[in-house]
N, C-alpha and C. Protein backbone atom coordinates (compact mmCIF):
# COMPACT_ATOMS: atom_id res chain seq x y z
N MET A 1 3.37 16.69 -7.79
CA MET A 1 3.76 15.33 -8.28
C MET A 1 2.25 14.84 -8.92
N LYS A 2 2.09 14.61 -10.02
CA LYS A 2 0.98 13.72 -10.42
C LYS A 2 0.55 12.58 -9.94
N ILE A 3 -0.66 12.34 -9.88
CA ILE A 3 -0.94 11.09 -9.27
C ILE A 3 -1.67 10.16 -10.49
N PRO A 4 -1.00 9.14 -10.50
CA PRO A 4 -1.42 8.28 -11.68
C PRO A 4 -2.63 7.33 -11.50
N ASN A 5 -3.11 6.89 -12.62
CA ASN A 5 -4.33 5.90 -12.44
C ASN A 5 -3.60 4.52 -12.11
N ILE A 6 -3.80 4.09 -11.09
CA ILE A 6 -3.45 2.71 -10.67
C ILE A 6 -4.53 1.87 -10.17
N THR A 7 -5.14 1.26 -11.29
CA THR A 7 -6.45 0.58 -10.97
C THR A 7 -6.00 -0.77 -10.71
N ALA A 8 -7.03 -1.29 -9.68
CA ALA A 8 -6.55 -2.70 -9.34
C ALA A 8 -6.88 -3.74 -10.35
N THR A 9 10.51 -5.70 5.35
CA THR A 9 11.47 -6.17 4.23
C THR A 9 13.06 -6.33 4.75
N ASP A 10 13.22 -7.09 4.23
CA ASP A 10 14.65 -7.34 4.35
C ASP A 10 15.66 -7.13 3.19
N ASN A 11 16.35 -6.11 3.24
CA ASN A 11 17.04 -6.00 1.83
C ASN A 11 18.45 -6.00 1.89
N GLY A 12 18.90 -6.96 3.10
CA GLY A 12 20.17 -6.98 3.49
C GLY A 12 20.98 -5.69 3.98
N GLY A 13 20.11 -4.79 4.59
CA GLY A 13 20.51 -3.58 5.13
C GLY A 13 20.53 -3.68 6.48
N LYS A 14 20.54 -2.66 7.55
CA LYS A 14 20.29 -2.91 8.80
C LYS A 14 18.74 -2.90 9.19
N GLU A 15 18.91 -3.49 10.38
CA GLU A 15 17.50 -3.63 11.06
C GLU A 15 16.62 -2.44 11.40
N PHE A 16 15.33 -2.35 11.14
CA PHE A 16 14.66 -1.22 11.34
C PHE A 16 13.76 -1.71 12.53
N LYS A 17 13.17 -0.90 13.12
CA LYS A 17 12.17 -0.89 14.32
C LYS A 17 10.96 -1.67 13.50
N LYS A 18 10.39 -2.65 14.12
CA LYS A 18 9.26 -3.52 13.60
C LYS A 18 7.89 -3.09 14.33
N LEU A 19 7.11 -2.92 13.79
CA LEU A 19 5.68 -2.66 14.45
C LEU A 19 5.44 -3.91 15.39
N PRO A 20 4.78 -3.72 16.54
CA PRO A 20 4.44 -4.64 17.26
C PRO A 20 3.29 -5.44 16.91
N PRO A 21 3.02 -6.62 17.33
CA PRO A 21 1.81 -7.30 16.96
C PRO A 21 0.54 -6.47 17.24
N GLY A 22 -0.48 -6.68 16.51
CA GLY A 22 -1.69 -6.07 17.24
C GLY A 22 -2.43 -5.06 16.22
N ALA A 23 -3.33 -4.52 16.58
CA ALA A 23 -4.16 -3.60 15.71
C ALA A 23 -3.51 -2.17 16.03
N HIS A 24 -3.48 -1.51 14.66
CA HIS A 24 -2.69 -0.20 14.63
C HIS A 24 -3.60 0.90 13.68
N PHE A 25 -3.69 2.05 14.17
CA PHE A 25 -4.21 2.99 13.47
C PHE A 25 -3.29 3.68 12.27
N ALA A 26 -3.53 3.72 11.15
CA ALA A 26 -2.94 3.87 10.04
C ALA A 26 -3.22 4.75 8.94
N ILE A 27 -2.28 5.08 8.18
CA ILE A 27 -2.60 6.31 7.06
C ILE A 27 -1.89 5.82 5.82
N CYS A 28 -2.55 5.43 4.75
CA CYS A 28 -1.78 4.91 3.50
C CYS A 28 -1.18 6.11 2.70
N ASN A 29 0.22 5.99 2.71
CA ASN A 29 1.06 7.29 2.13
C ASN A 29 1.82 6.75 0.83
N MET A 30 1.53 5.56 0.23
CA MET A 30 2.23 5.08 -0.98
C MET A 30 1.63 4.18 -1.77
N MET A 31 1.77 4.19 -2.97
CA MET A 31 1.03 3.26 -3.88
C MET A 31 1.90 3.03 -5.13
N VAL A 32 2.62 2.15 -5.24
CA VAL A 32 3.46 1.93 -6.16
C VAL A 32 2.88 0.63 -7.12
N ASP A 33 2.72 0.90 -8.37
CA ASP A 33 2.38 -0.05 -9.53
C ASP A 33 4.02 -0.55 -9.94
N CYS A 34 4.06 -1.98 -9.50
CA CYS A 34 5.40 -2.39 -9.76
C CYS A 34 5.49 -3.26 -11.43
N GLY A 35 4.53 -3.28 -11.88
CA GLY A 35 4.56 -3.79 -13.32
C GLY A 35 4.20 -5.25 -13.07
N MET A 36 4.70 -6.10 -14.28
CA MET A 36 4.69 -7.57 -14.22
C MET A 36 5.95 -8.07 -13.59
N GLN A 37 5.54 -8.96 -12.50
CA GLN A 37 6.72 -9.65 -11.60
C GLN A 37 6.34 -11.10 -11.53
N PRO A 38 7.72 -11.78 -11.45
CA PRO A 38 7.68 -13.24 -11.52
C PRO A 38 6.55 -13.68 -10.48
N GLY A 39 5.75 -14.66 -11.00
CA GLY A 39 4.81 -15.09 -9.91
C GLY A 39 4.58 -16.51 -9.62
N PHE A 40 3.69 -16.95 -9.16
CA PHE A 40 3.52 -18.42 -8.97
C PHE A 40 3.94 -19.32 -9.96
N GLN A 41 4.77 -20.27 -9.81
CA GLN A 41 5.18 -21.23 -10.87
C GLN A 41 5.67 -20.76 -12.02
N GLY A 42 6.37 -19.24 -11.68
CA GLY A 42 6.98 -18.72 -12.98
C GLY A 42 6.19 -17.77 -13.98
N LYS A 43 4.63 -17.88 -13.53
CA LYS A 43 3.58 -16.98 -14.21
C LYS A 43 3.71 -15.77 -13.97
N PRO A 44 4.23 -14.67 -14.67
CA PRO A 44 4.19 -13.38 -14.23
C PRO A 44 2.67 -12.88 -13.80
N GLN A 45 2.78 -12.02 -12.90
CA GLN A 45 1.74 -11.25 -12.15
C GLN A 45 1.88 -9.94 -11.96
N ARG A 46 0.72 -9.06 -12.35
CA ARG A 46 0.97 -7.44 -12.14
C ARG A 46 0.86 -7.29 -10.66
N LYS A 47 1.94 -6.54 -10.06
CA LYS A 47 2.12 -6.39 -8.61
C LYS A 47 1.84 -4.89 -8.15
N VAL A 48 1.47 -4.68 -7.01
CA VAL A 48 1.21 -3.26 -6.55
C VAL A 48 1.81 -3.50 -5.02
N TYR A 49 2.52 -2.22 -4.48
CA TYR A 49 2.75 -2.21 -3.24
C TYR A 49 2.12 -1.08 -2.77
N ILE A 50 1.62 -1.40 -1.35
CA ILE A 50 0.71 -0.31 -0.89
C ILE A 50 1.59 -0.19 0.58
N ARG A 51 1.78 1.08 1.00
CA ARG A 51 2.46 1.18 2.29
C ARG A 51 1.60 2.36 3.08
N TRP A 52 1.94 1.92 4.45
CA TRP A 52 1.16 2.70 5.45
C TRP A 52 2.26 3.37 6.49
N GLU A 53 2.07 4.51 6.89
CA GLU A 53 2.63 4.96 8.24
C GLU A 53 1.70 4.93 9.43
N VAL A 54 2.36 4.54 10.52
CA VAL A 54 1.68 4.29 11.81
C VAL A 54 1.98 5.23 12.67
N PRO A 55 1.18 6.27 12.90
CA PRO A 55 1.77 7.64 13.90
C PRO A 55 1.85 7.36 15.18
N ASP A 56 1.30 6.35 15.83
CA ASP A 56 1.42 6.18 17.21
C ASP A 56 2.86 5.20 17.60
N GLU A 57 3.49 4.76 16.56
CA GLU A 57 4.87 4.09 16.66
C GLU A 57 5.81 4.78 16.14
N ARG A 58 6.74 5.33 16.76
CA ARG A 58 7.57 6.30 16.33
C ARG A 58 9.19 5.62 15.85
N VAL A 59 9.98 6.09 15.07
CA VAL A 59 10.96 5.62 14.97
C VAL A 59 12.28 6.74 14.69
N GLU A 60 13.40 6.69 15.10
CA GLU A 60 14.34 7.60 14.81
C GLU A 60 15.43 7.06 13.73
N TYR A 61 15.70 8.02 12.82
CA TYR A 61 16.55 7.52 11.61
C TYR A 61 17.40 8.62 11.24
N ASP A 62 18.61 8.37 10.70
CA ASP A 62 19.51 9.33 10.05
C ASP A 62 19.14 9.45 8.44
N LYS A 63 19.30 10.74 8.33
CA LYS A 63 19.23 11.23 6.69
C LYS A 63 20.00 12.34 6.50
N ASP A 64 20.98 12.03 5.60
CA ASP A 64 21.95 13.14 5.27
C ASP A 64 22.85 13.73 6.31
N GLY A 65 23.08 12.68 7.34
CA GLY A 65 23.86 13.03 8.60
C GLY A 65 22.88 13.77 9.63
N VAL A 66 21.68 13.84 9.44
CA VAL A 66 20.58 14.47 10.54
C VAL A 66 19.70 13.53 10.96
N LYS A 67 19.53 13.52 12.31
CA LYS A 67 18.76 12.61 12.92
C LYS A 67 17.26 13.16 12.79
N HIS A 68 16.39 12.29 12.29
CA HIS A 68 15.15 12.46 12.18
C HIS A 68 14.06 11.50 13.33
N GLU A 69 12.80 11.95 13.37
CA GLU A 69 12.14 11.17 14.06
C GLU A 69 10.54 11.25 13.34
N GLY A 70 9.92 9.87 13.13
CA GLY A 70 8.81 9.74 12.51
C GLY A 70 8.14 8.65 12.68
N PRO A 71 6.94 8.53 12.03
CA PRO A 71 6.17 7.39 12.29
C PRO A 71 6.76 6.06 11.46
N CYS A 72 6.42 4.84 12.25
CA CYS A 72 7.10 3.67 11.61
C CYS A 72 6.23 3.60 10.25
N ALA A 73 6.55 2.44 9.51
CA ALA A 73 5.89 2.25 8.11
C ALA A 73 5.83 1.00 7.94
N ILE A 74 4.81 0.52 7.35
CA ILE A 74 4.82 -0.99 7.05
C ILE A 74 4.07 -0.93 5.55
N GLY A 75 4.51 -2.23 4.69
CA GLY A 75 3.77 -2.29 3.51
C GLY A 75 3.41 -3.67 3.01
N LYS A 76 2.62 -3.72 1.87
CA LYS A 76 2.22 -5.32 1.38
C LYS A 76 2.37 -4.99 0.29
N PHE A 77 2.72 -6.38 -0.43
CA PHE A 77 2.85 -6.57 -1.92
C PHE A 77 1.20 -7.23 -2.16
N TYR A 78 0.57 -6.78 -3.34
CA TYR A 78 -0.77 -7.46 -3.74
C TYR A 78 -0.74 -7.70 -5.19
N THR A 79 -1.28 -8.93 -5.73
CA THR A 79 -1.40 -8.90 -7.17
C THR A 79 -2.61 -7.83 -7.50
N LEU A 80 -2.47 -7.16 -8.58
CA LEU A 80 -3.37 -5.95 -9.17
C LEU A 80 -4.63 -6.77 -9.57
N SER A 81 -5.62 -7.32 -8.78
CA SER A 81 -6.67 -7.85 -9.34
C SER A 81 -7.94 -7.65 -8.39
N LEU A 82 -9.09 -7.64 -8.82
CA LEU A 82 -10.24 -7.51 -7.99
C LEU A 82 -11.08 -8.76 -8.26
N SER A 83 -10.46 -9.74 -8.51
CA SER A 83 -11.27 -11.17 -8.60
C SER A 83 -11.80 -11.35 -7.32
N GLU A 84 -12.91 -12.36 -7.10
CA GLU A 84 -13.48 -12.57 -6.16
C GLU A 84 -12.61 -13.15 -5.06
N LYS A 85 -11.53 -13.84 -5.39
CA LYS A 85 -10.64 -14.58 -4.27
C LYS A 85 -9.42 -13.66 -4.22
N ALA A 86 -9.38 -12.60 -5.05
CA ALA A 86 -7.94 -11.67 -4.81
C ALA A 86 -7.92 -11.20 -3.25
N THR A 87 -6.72 -11.49 -2.76
CA THR A 87 -6.71 -10.75 -1.46
C THR A 87 -6.61 -9.17 -1.48
N LEU A 88 -6.43 -8.36 -2.31
CA LEU A 88 -6.62 -7.08 -2.59
C LEU A 88 -8.06 -6.64 -2.55
N ARG A 89 -8.87 -7.57 -3.29
CA ARG A 89 -10.27 -7.26 -3.10
C ARG A 89 -10.80 -7.39 -1.66
N LYS A 90 -10.30 -8.49 -0.89
CA LYS A 90 -10.78 -8.75 0.50
C LYS A 90 -10.51 -7.73 1.20
N ASP A 91 -9.14 -7.09 1.21
CA ASP A 91 -8.61 -6.29 2.16
C ASP A 91 -9.29 -4.71 1.80
N LEU A 92 -9.64 -4.33 0.42
CA LEU A 92 -10.17 -3.14 0.30
C LEU A 92 -11.67 -2.98 0.88
N GLU A 93 -12.34 -4.49 0.60
CA GLU A 93 -13.78 -4.41 1.13
C GLU A 93 -13.92 -4.36 2.45
N ASN A 94 -12.74 -5.02 3.09
CA ASN A 94 -12.83 -4.73 4.48
C ASN A 94 -12.60 -3.41 5.08
N TRP A 95 -11.84 -2.71 4.28
CA TRP A 95 -11.44 -1.56 4.70
C TRP A 95 -12.68 -0.43 4.48
N ARG A 96 -13.29 -0.57 3.40
CA ARG A 96 -14.48 0.34 3.10
C ARG A 96 -15.72 -0.16 3.90
N GLY A 97 -15.72 -1.46 4.19
CA GLY A 97 -16.84 -1.84 5.16
C GLY A 97 -17.87 -2.20 4.05
N ARG A 98 -17.83 -2.53 2.93
CA ARG A 98 -18.87 -3.01 2.02
C ARG A 98 -18.19 -3.61 0.75
N THR A 99 -18.94 -4.39 0.18
CA THR A 99 -18.49 -5.12 -0.89
C THR A 99 -18.29 -4.39 -2.21
N PHE A 100 -17.57 -4.70 -3.24
CA PHE A 100 -17.52 -4.02 -4.61
C PHE A 100 -18.89 -4.56 -5.35
N THR A 101 -19.52 -3.64 -5.84
CA THR A 101 -20.58 -3.86 -6.89
C THR A 101 -19.87 -4.40 -8.11
N ASP A 102 -20.58 -5.18 -9.06
CA ASP A 102 -20.12 -5.72 -10.27
C ASP A 102 -19.54 -4.59 -11.13
N LEU A 103 -20.18 -3.57 -11.13
CA LEU A 103 -19.58 -2.28 -11.87
C LEU A 103 -18.20 -1.80 -11.43
N GLU A 104 -18.28 -1.40 -9.99
CA GLU A 104 -17.03 -1.06 -9.41
C GLU A 104 -15.57 -2.12 -9.45
N ALA A 105 -16.15 -3.60 -9.44
CA ALA A 105 -15.13 -4.33 -9.66
C ALA A 105 -14.41 -4.48 -10.99
N LYS A 106 -15.21 -3.97 -12.13
CA LYS A 106 -14.57 -4.07 -13.36
C LYS A 106 -13.45 -3.03 -13.59
N GLY A 107 -13.46 -1.91 -12.81
CA GLY A 107 -12.24 -1.05 -12.88
C GLY A 107 -12.35 -0.01 -11.61
N PHE A 108 -11.54 -0.48 -10.76
CA PHE A 108 -11.51 0.76 -9.50
C PHE A 108 -10.09 1.30 -9.34
N ASN A 109 -9.88 2.43 -9.58
CA ASN A 109 -8.78 3.27 -9.37
C ASN A 109 -8.25 3.29 -7.78
N ILE A 110 -7.33 2.19 -7.49
CA ILE A 110 -6.90 2.04 -6.09
C ILE A 110 -6.13 3.08 -5.48
N THR A 111 -5.72 4.22 -6.24
CA THR A 111 -5.01 5.15 -5.78
C THR A 111 -5.97 6.22 -4.74
N ALA A 112 -7.57 5.75 -5.04
CA ALA A 112 -8.44 6.15 -4.05
C ALA A 112 -7.99 6.26 -2.43
N VAL A 113 -7.33 5.09 -2.10
CA VAL A 113 -6.87 4.99 -0.84
C VAL A 113 -5.83 5.95 -0.16
N LEU A 114 -5.02 6.45 -1.06
CA LEU A 114 -4.06 7.46 -0.57
C LEU A 114 -4.65 8.47 0.21
N GLY A 115 -3.73 8.59 1.41
CA GLY A 115 -4.14 9.51 2.49
C GLY A 115 -5.33 9.13 3.47
N LYS A 116 -5.83 8.05 3.13
CA LYS A 116 -6.97 7.27 3.78
C LYS A 116 -6.58 6.75 4.95
N CYS A 117 -7.29 6.46 6.32
CA CYS A 117 -6.95 5.90 7.20
C CYS A 117 -7.55 4.43 7.44
N CYS A 118 -7.07 3.76 8.26
CA CYS A 118 -7.66 2.27 8.62
C CYS A 118 -7.00 1.85 9.71
N GLN A 119 -7.41 0.53 10.03
CA GLN A 119 -6.75 -0.06 10.96
C GLN A 119 -6.05 -1.47 10.45
N LEU A 120 -4.77 -1.56 10.82
CA LEU A 120 -4.14 -2.63 10.30
C LEU A 120 -3.82 -3.61 11.51
N MET A 121 -4.05 -4.81 10.89
CA MET A 121 -3.83 -6.04 11.73
C MET A 121 -2.33 -6.42 11.54
N VAL A 122 -1.37 -6.46 12.44
CA VAL A 122 -0.22 -6.94 12.27
C VAL A 122 0.26 -8.04 13.06
N THR A 123 0.93 -9.09 12.42
CA THR A 123 1.51 -10.38 13.17
C THR A 123 3.02 -10.41 12.88
N HIS A 124 3.57 -11.16 13.64
CA HIS A 124 5.05 -11.60 13.50
C HIS A 124 5.16 -12.82 12.97
N SER A 125 6.32 -12.88 12.20
CA SER A 125 6.59 -14.50 11.67
C SER A 125 8.29 -14.67 11.85
N GLU A 126 8.60 -15.72 11.91
CA GLU A 126 10.16 -16.00 11.80
C GLU A 126 10.46 -17.01 10.58
N SER A 127 11.77 -16.51 10.18
CA SER A 127 12.34 -17.16 8.95
C SER A 127 13.61 -16.79 9.02
N GLY A 128 14.53 -17.80 8.91
CA GLY A 128 15.88 -17.74 8.80
C GLY A 128 16.57 -17.05 10.13
N GLY A 129 15.72 -17.25 10.96
CA GLY A 129 16.30 -16.53 12.47
C GLY A 129 16.23 -15.37 12.50
N LYS A 130 15.13 -14.65 11.56
CA LYS A 130 14.84 -13.33 11.71
C LYS A 130 13.41 -13.04 11.89
N THR A 131 12.87 -12.24 12.38
CA THR A 131 11.58 -11.77 12.70
C THR A 131 11.03 -10.61 11.94
N TYR A 132 10.04 -10.99 11.21
CA TYR A 132 9.39 -10.04 10.24
C TYR A 132 7.87 -9.56 10.72
N ALA A 133 7.61 -8.43 10.49
CA ALA A 133 6.33 -7.92 10.74
C ALA A 133 5.22 -8.03 9.44
N ASN A 134 4.10 -8.39 9.49
CA ASN A 134 3.40 -8.72 8.24
C ASN A 134 2.00 -8.11 8.38
N VAL A 135 1.57 -7.29 7.42
CA VAL A 135 0.16 -6.99 7.35
C VAL A 135 -0.91 -8.16 7.08
N THR A 136 -1.60 -8.66 8.09
CA THR A 136 -2.57 -9.79 7.91
C THR A 136 -4.05 -9.45 7.71
N GLY A 137 -4.30 -8.17 7.96
CA GLY A 137 -5.55 -7.85 7.84
C GLY A 137 -5.65 -6.31 7.81
N ILE A 138 -6.78 -5.97 7.21
CA ILE A 138 -7.35 -4.33 7.03
C ILE A 138 -8.56 -4.22 7.58
N MET A 139 -8.90 -3.23 8.29
CA MET A 139 -10.27 -2.78 8.80
C MET A 139 -10.34 -1.55 8.65
N GLY A 140 -11.65 -1.06 8.53
CA GLY A 140 -12.33 0.21 8.83
C GLY A 140 -11.84 0.76 9.89
N ILE A 141 -12.18 2.33 10.02
CA ILE A 141 -11.75 2.60 11.46
C ILE A 141 -12.99 2.54 12.52
N SER A 142 -12.61 2.18 13.58
CA SER A 142 -13.66 2.06 14.57
C SER A 142 -14.17 3.49 15.07
N LYS A 143 -15.39 3.19 15.92
CA LYS A 143 -16.16 4.33 16.26
C LYS A 143 -15.34 5.40 17.03
N ASP A 144 -14.57 4.82 18.01
CA ASP A 144 -13.70 5.57 18.83
C ASP A 144 -12.58 6.42 18.12
N GLN A 145 -12.32 5.98 16.89
CA GLN A 145 -11.01 6.65 16.14
C GLN A 145 -11.71 7.43 14.96
N LEU A 146 -13.06 7.49 14.82
CA LEU A 146 -13.72 8.13 13.71
C LEU A 146 -13.46 9.83 13.74
N ALA A 147 -13.43 10.41 14.94
CA ALA A 147 -12.94 11.63 15.10
C ALA A 147 -11.58 11.86 14.60
N ARG A 148 -10.69 11.18 14.99
CA ARG A 148 -9.32 11.41 14.82
C ARG A 148 -8.89 11.00 13.21
N SER A 149 -9.68 10.11 12.66
CA SER A 149 -9.54 9.86 11.27
C SER A 149 -9.95 11.13 10.26
N LYS A 150 -10.82 11.83 10.81
CA LYS A 150 -11.36 13.16 9.93
C LYS A 150 -10.34 13.93 9.86
N THR A 151 -9.45 14.39 10.66
CA THR A 151 -8.59 15.25 10.76
C THR A 151 -6.77 14.75 10.57
N ALA A 152 -6.68 13.24 10.68
CA ALA A 152 -5.38 12.74 10.45
C ALA A 152 -4.86 13.12 9.13
N LYS A 153 -3.65 13.55 9.01
CA LYS A 153 -2.83 13.66 7.80
C LYS A 153 -1.44 12.61 7.96
N PRO A 154 -1.27 12.27 6.66
CA PRO A 154 0.29 11.63 7.01
C PRO A 154 1.25 12.59 6.97
N GLU A 155 2.43 12.08 7.89
CA GLU A 155 3.53 13.18 7.97
C GLU A 155 4.59 13.13 6.85
N ASN A 156 4.49 11.92 5.97
CA ASN A 156 5.39 12.20 4.85
C ASN A 156 4.50 12.38 3.44
N PRO A 157 4.94 12.85 2.45
CA PRO A 157 4.30 13.14 1.22
C PRO A 157 3.75 11.95 0.68
N LEU A 158 2.52 12.02 -0.01
CA LEU A 158 2.03 10.97 -0.62
C LEU A 158 2.64 10.56 -1.89
N ILE A 159 2.85 9.25 -2.20
CA ILE A 159 3.66 8.89 -3.34
C ILE A 159 2.70 7.85 -4.18
N ALA A 160 2.71 8.08 -5.53
CA ALA A 160 2.04 7.14 -6.26
C ALA A 160 2.85 7.06 -7.71
N PHE A 161 2.98 5.85 -7.94
CA PHE A 161 3.89 5.82 -9.23
C PHE A 161 3.22 4.49 -9.94
N SER A 162 3.44 4.73 -11.47
CA SER A 162 2.84 3.55 -12.24
C SER A 162 3.91 3.47 -13.29
N VAL A 163 4.22 2.17 -13.73
CA VAL A 163 5.12 1.88 -14.82
C VAL A 163 4.42 2.34 -16.01
N GLU A 164 3.16 2.26 -16.23
CA GLU A 164 2.47 2.51 -17.21
C GLU A 164 2.50 4.05 -17.71
N ASP A 165 2.62 4.86 -16.37
CA ASP A 165 2.70 6.42 -16.55
C ASP A 165 3.60 6.93 -15.58
N PRO A 166 4.96 6.64 -15.89
CA PRO A 166 5.91 7.06 -14.70
C PRO A 166 6.23 8.52 -14.85
N ASP A 167 6.37 8.79 -13.49
CA ASP A 167 6.69 10.33 -13.15
C ASP A 167 8.10 10.21 -12.44
N GLN A 168 8.94 10.88 -12.98
CA GLN A 168 10.35 11.00 -12.59
C GLN A 168 10.52 11.37 -10.82
N GLU A 169 9.69 12.24 -10.49
CA GLU A 169 9.81 12.67 -9.24
C GLU A 169 9.19 11.69 -8.09
N ALA A 170 8.22 11.18 -8.64
CA ALA A 170 7.69 9.86 -7.62
C ALA A 170 8.60 8.58 -7.88
N TYR A 171 9.36 8.51 -8.82
CA TYR A 171 10.36 7.41 -8.98
C TYR A 171 11.48 7.48 -8.07
N ASP A 172 11.96 8.80 -8.00
CA ASP A 172 13.03 9.53 -7.18
C ASP A 172 12.84 9.01 -5.79
N ALA A 173 11.58 9.41 -5.31
CA ALA A 173 11.02 9.29 -4.13
C ALA A 173 11.14 8.11 -3.36
N LEU A 174 10.96 6.85 -4.20
CA LEU A 174 10.88 5.47 -4.01
C LEU A 174 12.23 5.19 -3.12
N PRO A 175 12.13 4.17 -2.19
CA PRO A 175 13.37 3.65 -1.61
C PRO A 175 14.15 2.78 -2.64
N ASN A 176 15.37 2.78 -2.68
CA ASN A 176 16.14 2.00 -3.63
C ASN A 176 15.74 0.55 -3.93
N TRP A 177 15.33 -0.28 -2.57
CA TRP A 177 14.83 -1.52 -2.99
C TRP A 177 13.76 -1.66 -4.01
N LEU A 178 12.69 -0.72 -3.59
CA LEU A 178 11.45 -0.70 -4.60
C LEU A 178 11.73 0.01 -6.02
N ARG A 179 12.84 0.85 -6.19
CA ARG A 179 13.15 1.16 -7.44
C ARG A 179 13.55 0.00 -8.30
N GLU A 180 14.55 -0.88 -7.53
CA GLU A 180 15.11 -1.78 -8.25
C GLU A 180 13.91 -2.98 -8.85
N LYS A 181 12.98 -2.91 -7.84
CA LYS A 181 11.82 -3.98 -8.52
C LYS A 181 11.04 -3.46 -9.59
N VAL A 182 10.99 -2.14 -9.38
CA VAL A 182 10.29 -1.61 -10.77
C VAL A 182 11.08 -1.72 -11.95
N ASP A 183 12.52 -1.58 -11.57
CA ASP A 183 13.24 -1.68 -12.82
C ASP A 183 13.40 -3.04 -13.53
N ALA A 184 13.09 -3.96 -12.46
CA ALA A 184 13.15 -5.39 -12.96
C ALA A 184 11.80 -6.17 -13.48
N ALA A 185 10.83 -4.82 -13.44
CA ALA A 185 9.46 -5.47 -14.03
C ALA A 185 9.82 -5.94 -15.61
N ILE A 186 8.92 -7.27 -15.79
CA ILE A 186 8.86 -7.63 -16.96
C ILE A 186 8.34 -6.94 -18.10
N ARG A 187 9.08 -6.64 -19.09
CA ARG A 187 8.41 -5.71 -20.13
C ARG A 187 7.92 -6.50 -21.25
N GLU A 188 6.61 -6.37 -21.24
CA GLU A 188 5.85 -7.08 -22.23
C GLU A 188 4.48 -6.49 -22.25
N PRO A 189 3.73 -6.55 -23.05
CA PRO A 189 2.39 -6.22 -23.18
C PRO A 189 1.55 -6.22 -21.76
N ARG A 190 0.86 -5.43 -21.18
CA ARG A 190 0.35 -5.41 -19.88
C ARG A 190 -1.24 -4.63 -20.11
N GLU A 191 -2.05 -5.60 -19.23
CA GLU A 191 -3.34 -4.94 -19.10
C GLU A 191 -3.40 -3.50 -18.41
N SER A 192 -4.39 -2.88 -18.61
CA SER A 192 -4.54 -1.61 -17.85
C SER A 192 -4.26 -1.82 -16.21
N ALA A 193 -3.81 -0.66 -15.93
CA ALA A 193 -3.41 -0.53 -14.53
C ALA A 193 -4.75 -0.43 -13.54
N VAL A 194 -5.69 -0.56 -14.17
CA VAL A 194 -6.97 -0.53 -13.37
C VAL A 194 -7.35 -1.87 -12.53
N ALA A 195 -7.45 -1.77 -11.33
CA ALA A 195 -7.67 -3.20 -10.61
C ALA A 195 -9.27 -3.47 -11.06
N ALA A 196 -9.19 -4.73 -11.93
CA ALA A 196 -10.31 -5.26 -12.34
C ALA A 196 -10.72 -6.31 -11.40
N GLY A 197 -16.44 1.89 -14.22
CA GLY A 197 -15.67 1.82 -12.97
C GLY A 197 -14.81 3.15 -12.96
N GLY A 198 -13.98 2.84 -12.04
CA GLY A 198 -13.33 4.16 -12.56
C GLY A 198 -13.80 5.09 -11.29
N ASP A 199 -14.13 6.31 -11.49
CA ASP A 199 -14.13 7.26 -10.73
C ASP A 199 -15.51 7.44 -10.06
N SER A 200 -16.45 6.44 -9.64
CA SER A 200 -17.53 6.35 -9.11
C SER A 200 -17.66 7.39 -7.80
N ASP A 201 -18.75 7.83 -7.55
CA ASP A 201 -18.78 8.73 -6.14
C ASP A 201 -19.09 7.71 -5.26
N PHE A 202 -18.83 7.84 -3.97
CA PHE A 202 -19.23 6.99 -2.76
C PHE A 202 -19.81 7.83 -1.64
N ASP A 203 -20.73 7.07 -1.00
CA ASP A 203 -21.26 7.69 0.37
C ASP A 203 -20.18 8.26 1.19
N ASP A 204 -20.38 9.36 1.96
CA ASP A 204 -19.66 9.75 2.58
C ASP A 204 -19.09 9.16 3.99
N ASP A 205 -19.83 8.07 4.24
CA ASP A 205 -19.50 7.05 5.32
C ASP A 205 -18.46 6.15 4.97
N ILE A 206 -18.18 5.86 3.46
CA ILE A 206 -17.23 4.89 2.91
C ILE A 206 -16.09 6.01 2.51
N PRO A 207 -14.98 5.32 3.17
CA PRO A 207 -13.54 5.82 3.13
C PRO A 207 -13.12 6.35 1.80
N PHE A 208 -13.52 5.64 0.71
CA PHE A 208 -12.94 5.81 -0.68
C PHE A 208 -13.93 4.94 -1.44
C-alpha cells in the first residue's frame, strides 16, 4: 500500500468500549485526508483524521463471524493547517517536544507520524445522554516509556489515504463511516495536502 503525501464516534451503531480518562501510551496507525468539509459558519475547511491504537486497553469484537481481540482505538479530526493557532500544530509540537521552524511550517508531511508512539490525554464528555471519549492532548513519550517506544509496533496495518492521491486499497480499509465522509468531500479546487518543507531530516531524539 503506497503512503501518500498528506501534508499538514457515534455512527448510529452499537456502543464500543471507550478509553478511560487519563494518559495512555499510543501508536499512530491511521492518517486520512478527508478533503474539504463543511466548517465553521459554513466555510469549508480541509480536514484530516488521525487515529491511534492503545495497546494497554483491549477490546473484543466480531469480524466475519469470528471473535477477535485487539487494542482499543481512538481518533481525532483536525483542520489541515500549521498556522500558529492551529490545533494540529500545537499537538504535533507537543508530540515532537519542539516547535516547528518557519521552514518546516511551510510544508510538513504529517504522514511522518504514522507508526510513531506518543502519550494521549483522554477525557470524557456527556452529550445527548451518551458518553464520549475525546483526545484532548498529545505528549511525547516519557522517560520510563522510552525503551518500550523503540520496539513498539502497531498491531493493525498502517493506513494512509489522501483524496488528492487516492489509493483503492487504503480506501477499502477505512471504516464505512469514514469512507462516507471522504465521499462527501466538497469537490472544488484544493490547496496542496501538505500541512502548511517537506522531508527534512530530524534529530534522532525527535520522533518525526
